[in-house]
Amino acid sequence: MMVQPYLFFDGRTDEAARFYQTALGAEIVERLTFGDAPEPPPPGMLPPGSEGKVMHMTLKIGDSLVMVSDGHCGGNAAFQGFSLTITLPDPAAVDRVADRLADGGQITMPLGETFFARRFGMLTDRFGVAWILIAPR
């Protein structure tokens, strides 16, 4: 069994993918637009002109796959109640990744040493996705 996150950027998926390519070295494994679907979506499901928006995309980040979509393309993405965690090999790597992900976002727990990690911190990126970064002991 595998559990994979599926994030809905509500119209900003391509922008988010470019950001994660730069910040995390993400690779786009698959990209399908609403226009690629064999049948159009039901009337009223998407705003007009959404054919080029992302119906489904798979990003490879390190050894993980994260699925993303523009969802209903309403521009109101809301990420609440979860964080994505990245385990890194050392404190310097935590600092580098935090600097990249926090660009346009906000550090919510400053990076530092804890009783359980050589480096630990939390942030929310420019899209509202919460991240936990850790270099374990």
Protein backbone atom coordinates (compact mmCIF):
# COMPACT_ATOMS: atom_id res chain seq x y z
CA MET A 1 0.00 0.00 0.00
CA MET A 2 1.16 3.52 -0.77
CA VAL A 3 -0.34 6.82 0.38
CA GLN A 4 0.29 9.82 -1.86
CA PRO A 5 -0.78 13.42 -1.33
CA TYR A 6 -3.00 15.01 -3.97
CA LEU A 7 -2.87 18.80 -3.86
CA PHE A 8 -5.37 21.10 -5.59
CA PHE A 9 -3.88 24.47 -6.56
CA ASP A 10 -7.18 25.75 -7.94
CA GLY A 11 -5.73 27.27 -11.11
CA ARG A 12 -2.03 27.71 -10.20
CA THR A 13 -0.65 24.20 -10.76
CA ASP A 14 1.76 25.07 -13.57
CA GLU A 15 3.13 27.97 -11.49
CA ALA A 16 3.48 25.71 -8.45
CA ALA A 17 5.22 23.01 -10.50
CA ARG A 18 7.79 25.53 -11.79
CA PHE A 19 8.37 26.72 -8.22
CA TYR A 20 8.89 23.16 -6.92
CA GLN A 21 11.18 22.34 -9.85
CA THR A 22 13.42 25.23 -8.78
CA ALA A 23 13.04 24.85 -5.00
CA LEU A 24 13.11 21.05 -4.72
CA GLY A 25 14.33 19.68 -8.03
CA ALA A 26 10.85 18.28 -8.75
CA GLU A 27 10.33 16.50 -12.05
CA ILE A 28 7.05 16.51 -13.97
CA VAL A 29 6.28 12.84 -14.61
CA GLU A 30 2.84 13.31 -16.14
CA ARG A 31 0.71 16.33 -17.16
CA LEU A 32 -2.83 16.18 -18.51
CA THR A 33 -5.01 19.21 -19.14
CA PHE A 34 -8.79 19.38 -19.08
CA GLY A 35 -8.54 19.78 -22.86
CA ASP A 36 -6.78 16.38 -23.07
CA ALA A 37 -9.84 14.59 -21.65
CA PRO A 38 -11.82 12.53 -24.19
CA GLU A 39 -15.04 14.26 -23.08
CA PRO A 40 -15.58 17.80 -21.82
CA PRO A 41 -16.31 18.32 -18.11
CA PRO A 42 -19.95 18.70 -17.06
CA PRO A 43 -21.38 22.17 -17.70
CA GLY A 44 -20.59 24.64 -14.94
CA MET A 45 -17.77 22.55 -13.43
CA LEU A 46 -14.99 24.83 -14.73
CA PRO A 47 -14.81 28.47 -15.70
CA PRO A 48 -14.71 29.16 -19.45
CA GLY A 49 -11.22 28.96 -20.95
CA SER A 50 -9.98 26.25 -18.55
CA GLU A 51 -9.06 23.76 -21.29
CA GLY A 52 -5.34 24.42 -20.78
CA LYS A 53 -5.50 24.08 -17.00
CA VAL A 54 -4.08 20.99 -15.31
CA MET A 55 -6.56 18.18 -14.74
CA HIS A 56 -3.81 15.93 -13.36
CA MET A 57 -0.06 16.19 -12.87
CA THR A 58 2.39 13.92 -11.10
CA LEU A 59 5.53 15.46 -9.61
CA LYS A 60 8.49 13.39 -8.52
CA ILE A 61 10.19 15.03 -5.55
CA GLY A 62 13.15 12.97 -4.39
CA ASP A 63 11.82 9.42 -4.06
CA SER A 64 8.20 10.55 -3.60
CA LEU A 65 5.35 11.18 -5.99
CA VAL A 66 2.98 14.06 -5.33
CA MET A 67 -0.13 14.41 -7.45
CA VAL A 68 -1.47 17.90 -8.18
CA SER A 69 -4.34 19.49 -10.08
CA ASP A 70 -6.00 22.82 -10.80
CA GLY A 71 -9.22 21.34 -9.44
CA HIS A 72 -12.15 23.63 -10.22
CA CYS A 73 -9.82 26.49 -11.29
CA GLY A 74 -11.51 28.95 -8.94
CA GLY A 75 -8.35 30.56 -7.61
CA ASN A 76 -9.12 29.74 -3.98
CA ALA A 77 -6.71 26.97 -2.99
CA ALA A 78 -6.91 26.18 0.72
CA PHE A 79 -4.38 23.83 2.28
CA GLN A 80 -5.30 23.13 5.89
CA GLY A 81 -4.85 20.36 8.39
CA PHE A 82 -1.68 18.76 7.02
CA SER A 83 2.01 19.36 6.27
CA LEU A 84 4.36 17.72 3.82
CA THR A 85 7.56 16.58 5.54
CA ILE A 86 10.99 16.45 3.97
CA THR A 87 13.72 14.49 5.74
CA LEU A 88 17.15 15.80 4.81
CA PRO A 89 20.65 14.47 5.46
CA ASP A 90 22.07 17.38 7.47
CA PRO A 91 21.32 20.81 8.94
CA ALA A 92 22.83 22.66 5.97
CA ALA A 93 20.44 20.88 3.61
CA VAL A 94 17.51 21.89 5.83
CA ASP A 95 18.65 25.51 5.65
CA ARG A 96 19.01 25.42 1.84
CA VAL A 97 15.59 23.87 1.25
CA ALA A 98 13.94 26.20 3.78
CA ASP A 99 15.40 29.26 2.04
CA ARG A 100 14.00 28.10 -1.28
CA LEU A 101 10.56 27.03 -0.06
CA ALA A 102 10.09 30.13 2.12
CA ASP A 103 10.63 32.48 -0.86
CA GLY A 104 7.30 34.30 -0.97
CA GLY A 105 6.05 32.24 1.97
CA GLN A 106 6.47 32.36 5.74
CA ILE A 107 8.55 30.55 8.35
CA THR A 108 6.07 29.32 10.98
CA MET A 109 8.62 27.66 13.29
CA PRO A 110 12.18 28.96 13.07
CA LEU A 111 14.85 26.46 12.14
CA GLY A 112 16.82 25.11 15.03
CA GLU A 113 18.12 22.13 16.93
CA THR A 114 15.65 20.11 19.00
CA PHE A 115 15.85 17.09 21.26
CA PHE A 116 14.74 14.93 18.30
CA ALA A 117 16.53 16.59 15.38
CA ARG A 118 19.82 18.22 14.48
CA ARG A 119 17.72 20.75 12.53
CA PHE A 120 13.96 21.20 12.44
CA GLY A 121 11.61 23.89 11.20
CA MET A 122 8.22 24.57 9.69
CA LEU A 123 7.07 26.92 6.96
CA THR A 124 4.24 27.71 4.61
CA ASP A 125 5.20 28.30 0.99
CA ARG A 126 3.81 30.98 -1.35
CA PHE A 127 0.92 28.69 -2.33
CA GLY A 128 -0.16 28.02 1.25
CA VAL A 129 1.28 24.49 1.46
CA ALA A 130 2.72 23.74 4.91
CA TRP A 131 6.13 22.02 5.08
CA ILE A 132 8.11 20.41 7.88
CA LEU A 133 11.86 20.10 7.34
CA ILE A 134 13.98 17.82 9.48
CA ALA A 135 17.52 16.50 9.71
CA PRO A 136 17.07 13.73 12.29
CA ARG A 137 19.59 12.81 14.96
